[in-house]
Structure formats: C-alpha cells, structure tokens
C-alpha cells in the first residue's frame, strides 16, 4: 500500500471512528478493500491521530478563524486531524508534503476546489504555529 492510499484509508477510518466509536483496528479492517493489507504507516496515522486527538483539536481550534471545529464537515475534520498529526508528530515527512496530500485528498472526497482551499488555509496556519 502506498502512502497516498494509506492516507485515504486513514481518513476513512478516522471518519468511521468518529461516527460509530469503533476501535482503530476495527475501523482499519472495515475500510480495506479486497486484497488490501494494512501497513504500519496506515496504523500509525490512525492510532497516532486518535492518541493525540486532544492536542490536535487544540491546534485546529487555534488555527480556525470564525469557525468552530464542530461546524467543519466530518470528512474535512478527519483530513485535518490526520494531516495535523503528521505535521506535529512525524518528523520524517516535510510539512508541505502533509499539507499537499491533505489538499489533494480533500478535493478527491468532495470534488470541490473550495474544500482544498479551506484545508490549505487551516493547515498553513498550523504549520506556522509548529515552526515557531
């Protein structure tokens, strides 16, 4: 499984966890398609995001301007949480890579350019905060 597919499956897993409260392992098992096997990067994204959710949400809230975290769609929230986890906790991935991947995934899920711009704006604010 390449990293792009792992990120997409991580977003799907995080969405499912928020909707149903299943465990990270159950969510990952559910989103894998025929013949796909989970890998360590997918598990790291899902489990790490869930473990650091409180810190991630604090960063997201501080980066939002005139928005409440609860007003963001669940899909965008899952994308933002996963990308924030990557940016904050995975030192081997450049922040701009995490941001660009999140933008592409947001556009792919919604089919709208606006979702990508929204994700870009929030993650750029977070990157600035994390770089200080």
N, C-alpha and C. Protein backbone atom coordinates (compact mmCIF):
# COMPACT_ATOMS: atom_id res chain seq x y z
N UNK A 1 0.86 -1.17 0.00
CA UNK A 1 0.00 0.00 0.00
C UNK A 1 0.91 1.24 0.00
N UNK A 2 0.69 2.13 -0.97
CA UNK A 2 1.50 3.34 -0.98
C UNK A 2 0.95 4.35 0.02
N UNK A 3 1.70 5.40 0.27
CA UNK A 3 1.32 6.36 1.32
C UNK A 3 0.03 7.11 0.99
N UNK A 4 -0.21 7.41 -0.27
CA UNK A 4 -1.46 8.10 -0.64
C UNK A 4 -2.66 7.24 -0.28
N UNK A 5 -2.62 5.98 -0.65
CA UNK A 5 -3.73 5.07 -0.33
C UNK A 5 -3.86 4.93 1.19
N UNK A 6 -2.75 4.84 1.89
CA UNK A 6 -2.79 4.73 3.35
C UNK A 6 -3.45 5.97 3.96
N UNK A 7 -3.15 7.14 3.42
CA UNK A 7 -3.77 8.37 3.93
C UNK A 7 -5.28 8.38 3.68
N UNK A 8 -5.69 7.96 2.50
CA UNK A 8 -7.12 7.90 2.18
C UNK A 8 -7.81 6.92 3.13
N UNK A 9 -7.23 5.75 3.33
CA UNK A 9 -7.82 4.75 4.24
C UNK A 9 -7.81 5.28 5.69
N UNK A 10 -6.79 6.05 6.05
CA UNK A 10 -6.75 6.64 7.40
C UNK A 10 -7.90 7.63 7.58
N UNK A 11 -8.15 8.46 6.59
CA UNK A 11 -9.26 9.42 6.67
C UNK A 11 -10.58 8.65 6.81
N UNK A 12 -10.76 7.61 6.01
CA UNK A 12 -11.98 6.81 6.09
C UNK A 12 -12.11 6.17 7.48
N UNK A 13 -11.01 5.69 8.02
CA UNK A 13 -11.02 5.08 9.35
C UNK A 13 -11.36 6.10 10.42
N UNK A 14 -10.74 7.27 10.36
CA UNK A 14 -11.00 8.32 11.36
C UNK A 14 -12.45 8.78 11.30
N UNK A 15 -12.99 8.87 10.10
CA UNK A 15 -14.40 9.23 9.93
C UNK A 15 -15.28 8.17 10.62
N UNK A 16 -14.97 6.91 10.36
CA UNK A 16 -15.76 5.83 10.94
C UNK A 16 -15.65 5.82 12.47
N UNK A 17 -14.46 6.06 12.99
CA UNK A 17 -14.27 6.11 14.44
C UNK A 17 -15.14 7.20 15.06
N UNK A 18 -15.16 8.36 14.42
CA UNK A 18 -15.97 9.47 14.94
C UNK A 18 -17.46 9.15 14.86
N UNK A 19 -17.88 8.50 13.78
CA UNK A 19 -19.31 8.21 13.58
C UNK A 19 -19.82 7.08 14.47
N UNK A 20 -18.99 6.04 14.65
CA UNK A 20 -19.51 4.84 15.31
C UNK A 20 -18.82 4.49 16.61
N UNK A 21 -17.65 5.09 16.87
CA UNK A 21 -16.93 4.80 18.10
C UNK A 21 -16.19 3.47 18.10
N UNK A 22 -16.01 2.87 16.93
CA UNK A 22 -15.27 1.60 16.87
C UNK A 22 -13.79 1.86 17.18
N UNK A 23 -13.07 0.79 17.45
CA UNK A 23 -11.65 0.91 17.74
C UNK A 23 -10.88 1.20 16.44
N UNK A 24 -9.68 1.75 16.55
CA UNK A 24 -8.88 1.99 15.35
C UNK A 24 -8.67 0.72 14.51
N UNK A 25 -8.39 -0.40 15.16
CA UNK A 25 -8.18 -1.64 14.41
C UNK A 25 -9.43 -2.06 13.66
N UNK A 26 -10.59 -1.96 14.30
CA UNK A 26 -11.85 -2.32 13.63
C UNK A 26 -12.11 -1.39 12.45
N UNK A 27 -11.87 -0.10 12.64
CA UNK A 27 -12.10 0.86 11.56
C UNK A 27 -11.20 0.57 10.37
N UNK A 28 -9.93 0.30 10.64
CA UNK A 28 -9.00 -0.01 9.56
C UNK A 28 -9.45 -1.26 8.81
N UNK A 29 -9.81 -2.30 9.54
CA UNK A 29 -10.26 -3.54 8.89
C UNK A 29 -11.47 -3.30 7.99
N UNK A 30 -12.35 -2.42 8.42
CA UNK A 30 -13.57 -2.15 7.66
C UNK A 30 -13.31 -1.41 6.36
N UNK A 31 -12.32 -0.51 6.34
CA UNK A 31 -12.11 0.32 5.15
C UNK A 31 -11.20 -0.32 4.10
N UNK A 32 -10.51 -1.38 4.47
CA UNK A 32 -9.64 -2.04 3.49
C UNK A 32 -10.48 -2.68 2.40
N UNK A 33 -10.05 -2.48 1.17
CA UNK A 33 -10.76 -3.07 0.04
C UNK A 33 -10.22 -4.46 -0.24
N UNK A 34 -10.89 -5.19 -1.11
CA UNK A 34 -10.50 -6.56 -1.44
C UNK A 34 -9.02 -6.65 -1.76
N UNK A 35 -8.33 -7.52 -1.05
CA UNK A 35 -6.92 -7.76 -1.32
C UNK A 35 -5.97 -6.78 -0.65
N UNK A 36 -6.48 -5.68 -0.08
CA UNK A 36 -5.60 -4.73 0.60
C UNK A 36 -5.22 -5.26 1.97
N UNK A 37 -4.00 -4.97 2.34
CA UNK A 37 -3.49 -5.35 3.65
C UNK A 37 -3.02 -4.08 4.34
N UNK A 38 -3.40 -3.92 5.58
CA UNK A 38 -2.97 -2.75 6.34
C UNK A 38 -1.45 -2.74 6.46
N UNK A 39 -0.88 -1.55 6.53
CA UNK A 39 0.56 -1.46 6.75
C UNK A 39 0.84 -0.56 7.94
N UNK A 40 2.10 -0.47 8.31
CA UNK A 40 2.46 0.26 9.53
C UNK A 40 2.16 1.75 9.42
N UNK A 41 2.28 2.33 8.21
CA UNK A 41 2.00 3.76 8.05
C UNK A 41 0.52 4.05 8.30
N UNK A 42 -0.35 3.23 7.75
CA UNK A 42 -1.79 3.39 7.97
C UNK A 42 -2.11 3.28 9.46
N UNK A 43 -1.61 2.25 10.10
CA UNK A 43 -1.86 2.08 11.53
C UNK A 43 -1.32 3.24 12.34
N UNK A 44 -0.13 3.70 11.97
CA UNK A 44 0.48 4.83 12.68
C UNK A 44 -0.38 6.08 12.55
N UNK A 45 -0.89 6.36 11.35
CA UNK A 45 -1.73 7.54 11.15
C UNK A 45 -3.00 7.48 11.98
N UNK A 46 -3.69 6.35 11.93
CA UNK A 46 -4.97 6.23 12.63
C UNK A 46 -4.76 6.21 14.14
N UNK A 47 -3.89 5.34 14.61
CA UNK A 47 -3.68 5.22 16.06
C UNK A 47 -3.05 6.47 16.64
N UNK A 48 -2.10 7.07 15.92
CA UNK A 48 -1.46 8.29 16.40
C UNK A 48 -2.43 9.45 16.47
N UNK A 49 -3.29 9.58 15.46
CA UNK A 49 -4.28 10.66 15.47
C UNK A 49 -5.23 10.48 16.64
N UNK A 50 -5.69 9.27 16.87
CA UNK A 50 -6.61 9.02 17.99
C UNK A 50 -5.91 9.27 19.32
N UNK A 51 -4.67 8.83 19.47
CA UNK A 51 -3.92 9.04 20.72
C UNK A 51 -3.70 10.52 21.03
N UNK A 52 -3.46 11.31 20.01
CA UNK A 52 -3.13 12.73 20.18
C UNK A 52 -4.31 13.65 19.86
N UNK A 53 -5.52 13.11 19.85
CA UNK A 53 -6.69 13.86 19.40
C UNK A 53 -6.88 15.18 20.16
N UNK A 54 -6.70 15.15 21.47
CA UNK A 54 -6.91 16.37 22.26
C UNK A 54 -5.93 17.47 21.83
N UNK A 55 -4.66 17.14 21.69
CA UNK A 55 -3.65 18.12 21.25
C UNK A 55 -3.94 18.61 19.83
N UNK A 56 -4.31 17.67 18.96
CA UNK A 56 -4.60 18.01 17.57
C UNK A 56 -5.78 18.97 17.50
N UNK A 57 -6.85 18.66 18.23
CA UNK A 57 -8.02 19.54 18.21
C UNK A 57 -7.71 20.92 18.78
N UNK A 58 -6.85 20.99 19.79
CA UNK A 58 -6.45 22.31 20.31
C UNK A 58 -5.73 23.12 19.24
N UNK A 59 -4.83 22.47 18.49
CA UNK A 59 -4.15 23.16 17.40
C UNK A 59 -5.14 23.60 16.33
N UNK A 60 -6.07 22.74 15.98
CA UNK A 60 -7.06 23.09 14.96
C UNK A 60 -7.91 24.27 15.41
N UNK A 61 -8.37 24.23 16.64
CA UNK A 61 -9.20 25.32 17.17
C UNK A 61 -8.43 26.64 17.14
N UNK A 62 -7.15 26.59 17.49
CA UNK A 62 -6.36 27.83 17.49
C UNK A 62 -6.11 28.34 16.07
N UNK A 63 -6.18 27.46 15.07
CA UNK A 63 -5.94 27.87 13.69
C UNK A 63 -7.21 28.33 12.98
N UNK A 64 -8.36 28.00 13.53
CA UNK A 64 -9.63 28.37 12.90
C UNK A 64 -9.96 29.83 13.18
N UNK A 65 -10.41 30.50 12.15
CA UNK A 65 -10.83 31.89 12.32
C UNK A 65 -12.31 31.98 11.98
N UNK A 66 -13.10 32.37 12.94
CA UNK A 66 -14.55 32.49 12.76
C UNK A 66 -15.22 31.16 12.43
N UNK A 67 -14.64 30.07 12.89
CA UNK A 67 -15.21 28.74 12.69
C UNK A 67 -15.10 27.95 13.99
N UNK A 68 -16.06 27.11 14.22
CA UNK A 68 -15.97 26.15 15.33
C UNK A 68 -15.60 24.81 14.72
N UNK A 69 -14.83 24.04 15.43
CA UNK A 69 -14.43 22.72 14.93
C UNK A 69 -15.65 21.86 14.61
N UNK A 70 -16.69 22.00 15.39
CA UNK A 70 -17.90 21.21 15.18
C UNK A 70 -18.64 21.57 13.89
N UNK A 71 -18.38 22.75 13.34
CA UNK A 71 -19.04 23.18 12.09
C UNK A 71 -18.37 22.62 10.85
N UNK A 72 -17.16 22.11 10.99
CA UNK A 72 -16.43 21.55 9.85
C UNK A 72 -17.02 20.17 9.55
N UNK A 73 -17.15 19.86 8.27
CA UNK A 73 -17.69 18.55 7.90
C UNK A 73 -16.81 17.45 8.50
N UNK A 74 -17.41 16.32 8.76
CA UNK A 74 -16.67 15.22 9.37
C UNK A 74 -15.52 14.75 8.48
N UNK A 75 -15.73 14.78 7.18
CA UNK A 75 -14.66 14.36 6.26
C UNK A 75 -13.50 15.34 6.34
N UNK A 76 -13.78 16.64 6.25
CA UNK A 76 -12.71 17.63 6.36
C UNK A 76 -12.03 17.57 7.72
N UNK A 77 -12.81 17.34 8.76
CA UNK A 77 -12.25 17.24 10.11
C UNK A 77 -11.29 16.05 10.20
N UNK A 78 -11.66 14.92 9.62
CA UNK A 78 -10.78 13.74 9.61
C UNK A 78 -9.50 14.03 8.84
N UNK A 79 -9.62 14.71 7.71
CA UNK A 79 -8.44 15.07 6.91
C UNK A 79 -7.53 16.01 7.70
N UNK A 80 -8.12 17.03 8.31
CA UNK A 80 -7.34 18.00 9.08
C UNK A 80 -6.66 17.35 10.28
N UNK A 81 -7.36 16.47 10.95
CA UNK A 81 -6.78 15.80 12.11
C UNK A 81 -5.60 14.92 11.70
N UNK A 82 -5.77 14.15 10.63
CA UNK A 82 -4.70 13.27 10.18
C UNK A 82 -3.47 14.09 9.75
N UNK A 83 -3.70 15.13 8.97
CA UNK A 83 -2.59 15.95 8.49
C UNK A 83 -1.90 16.67 9.65
N UNK A 84 -2.66 17.13 10.61
CA UNK A 84 -2.07 17.79 11.78
C UNK A 84 -1.23 16.81 12.57
N UNK A 85 -1.71 15.60 12.71
CA UNK A 85 -0.90 14.57 13.38
C UNK A 85 0.42 14.37 12.63
N UNK A 86 0.34 14.23 11.32
CA UNK A 86 1.56 14.06 10.52
C UNK A 86 2.54 15.21 10.75
N UNK A 87 2.02 16.43 10.68
CA UNK A 87 2.87 17.61 10.79
C UNK A 87 3.48 17.74 12.18
N UNK A 88 2.72 17.37 13.20
CA UNK A 88 3.17 17.53 14.57
C UNK A 88 4.08 16.39 15.04
N UNK A 89 3.80 15.18 14.61
CA UNK A 89 4.44 14.01 15.22
C UNK A 89 5.37 13.21 14.31
N UNK A 90 5.27 13.36 13.01
CA UNK A 90 6.09 12.56 12.10
C UNK A 90 7.17 13.44 11.46
N UNK A 91 8.32 13.44 12.09
CA UNK A 91 9.41 14.32 11.67
C UNK A 91 10.01 13.97 10.32
N UNK A 92 9.81 12.73 9.86
CA UNK A 92 10.41 12.31 8.59
C UNK A 92 9.60 12.75 7.37
N UNK A 93 8.44 13.39 7.59
CA UNK A 93 7.62 13.87 6.48
C UNK A 93 7.62 15.40 6.52
N UNK A 94 8.08 16.04 5.44
CA UNK A 94 8.06 17.51 5.40
C UNK A 94 6.62 18.03 5.52
N UNK A 95 6.45 19.13 6.24
CA UNK A 95 5.11 19.68 6.44
C UNK A 95 4.40 19.98 5.13
N UNK A 96 5.15 20.49 4.14
CA UNK A 96 4.50 20.83 2.87
C UNK A 96 3.96 19.59 2.16
N UNK A 97 4.59 18.44 2.37
CA UNK A 97 4.09 17.19 1.80
C UNK A 97 2.76 16.82 2.48
N UNK A 98 2.72 16.91 3.80
CA UNK A 98 1.49 16.61 4.53
C UNK A 98 0.35 17.54 4.09
N UNK A 99 0.66 18.81 3.92
CA UNK A 99 -0.36 19.78 3.50
C UNK A 99 -0.85 19.45 2.10
N UNK A 100 0.07 19.24 1.16
CA UNK A 100 -0.33 18.96 -0.22
C UNK A 100 -1.14 17.67 -0.33
N UNK A 101 -0.74 16.65 0.40
CA UNK A 101 -1.51 15.39 0.39
C UNK A 101 -2.92 15.62 0.93
N UNK A 102 -3.04 16.38 2.02
CA UNK A 102 -4.35 16.66 2.60
C UNK A 102 -5.24 17.45 1.63
N UNK A 103 -4.66 18.41 0.94
CA UNK A 103 -5.41 19.19 -0.05
C UNK A 103 -5.94 18.28 -1.15
N UNK A 104 -5.08 17.43 -1.69
CA UNK A 104 -5.50 16.52 -2.75
C UNK A 104 -6.57 15.55 -2.28
N UNK A 105 -6.44 15.05 -1.08
CA UNK A 105 -7.44 14.12 -0.54
C UNK A 105 -8.77 14.85 -0.34
N UNK A 106 -8.73 16.08 0.18
CA UNK A 106 -9.96 16.86 0.37
C UNK A 106 -10.67 17.09 -0.96
N UNK A 107 -9.92 17.46 -1.98
CA UNK A 107 -10.52 17.65 -3.31
C UNK A 107 -11.11 16.35 -3.82
N UNK A 108 -10.42 15.24 -3.58
CA UNK A 108 -10.88 13.94 -4.05
C UNK A 108 -12.18 13.50 -3.39
N UNK A 109 -12.30 13.75 -2.09
CA UNK A 109 -13.51 13.33 -1.38
C UNK A 109 -14.70 14.21 -1.72
N UNK A 110 -14.48 15.50 -1.84
CA UNK A 110 -15.61 16.41 -2.05
C UNK A 110 -15.80 16.77 -3.52
N UNK A 111 -14.74 16.68 -4.31
CA UNK A 111 -14.83 17.09 -5.70
C UNK A 111 -14.87 18.61 -5.86
N UNK A 112 -14.60 19.32 -4.79
CA UNK A 112 -14.68 20.78 -4.83
C UNK A 112 -13.34 21.42 -4.51
N UNK A 113 -13.00 22.42 -5.29
CA UNK A 113 -11.77 23.19 -5.10
C UNK A 113 -11.79 23.91 -3.74
N UNK A 114 -12.98 24.35 -3.32
CA UNK A 114 -13.11 25.11 -2.08
C UNK A 114 -12.66 24.30 -0.86
N UNK A 115 -12.94 23.03 -0.86
CA UNK A 115 -12.52 22.18 0.27
C UNK A 115 -11.00 22.16 0.37
N UNK A 116 -10.33 22.06 -0.78
CA UNK A 116 -8.87 22.08 -0.80
C UNK A 116 -8.32 23.40 -0.28
N UNK A 117 -8.95 24.50 -0.67
CA UNK A 117 -8.50 25.82 -0.20
C UNK A 117 -8.70 25.97 1.30
N UNK A 118 -9.83 25.47 1.78
CA UNK A 118 -10.13 25.53 3.21
C UNK A 118 -9.09 24.74 4.01
N UNK A 119 -8.82 23.52 3.59
CA UNK A 119 -7.84 22.66 4.25
C UNK A 119 -6.45 23.32 4.19
N UNK A 120 -6.10 23.88 3.05
CA UNK A 120 -4.82 24.55 2.89
C UNK A 120 -4.67 25.70 3.88
N UNK A 121 -5.69 26.52 3.99
CA UNK A 121 -5.62 27.68 4.89
C UNK A 121 -5.41 27.27 6.34
N UNK A 122 -6.15 26.29 6.79
CA UNK A 122 -6.04 25.86 8.19
C UNK A 122 -4.69 25.20 8.45
N UNK A 123 -4.28 24.30 7.55
CA UNK A 123 -3.00 23.60 7.76
C UNK A 123 -1.81 24.55 7.63
N UNK A 124 -1.92 25.55 6.79
CA UNK A 124 -0.83 26.54 6.69
C UNK A 124 -0.69 27.30 8.01
N UNK A 125 -1.83 27.65 8.65
CA UNK A 125 -1.78 28.29 9.97
C UNK A 125 -1.12 27.39 11.00
N UNK A 126 -1.46 26.12 10.96
CA UNK A 126 -0.87 25.17 11.91
C UNK A 126 0.63 25.00 11.65
N UNK A 127 1.02 24.93 10.38
CA UNK A 127 2.45 24.79 10.04
C UNK A 127 3.22 25.98 10.61
N UNK A 128 2.66 27.18 10.51
CA UNK A 128 3.31 28.37 11.04
C UNK A 128 3.47 28.25 12.56
N UNK A 129 2.42 27.80 13.23
CA UNK A 129 2.50 27.64 14.68
C UNK A 129 3.53 26.59 15.09
N UNK A 130 3.58 25.48 14.36
CA UNK A 130 4.51 24.40 14.69
C UNK A 130 5.96 24.76 14.36
N UNK A 131 6.16 25.67 13.44
CA UNK A 131 7.52 26.05 13.04
C UNK A 131 8.16 27.03 14.01
N UNK A 132 7.38 27.61 14.90
CA UNK A 132 7.91 28.61 15.83
C UNK A 132 8.70 27.95 16.94
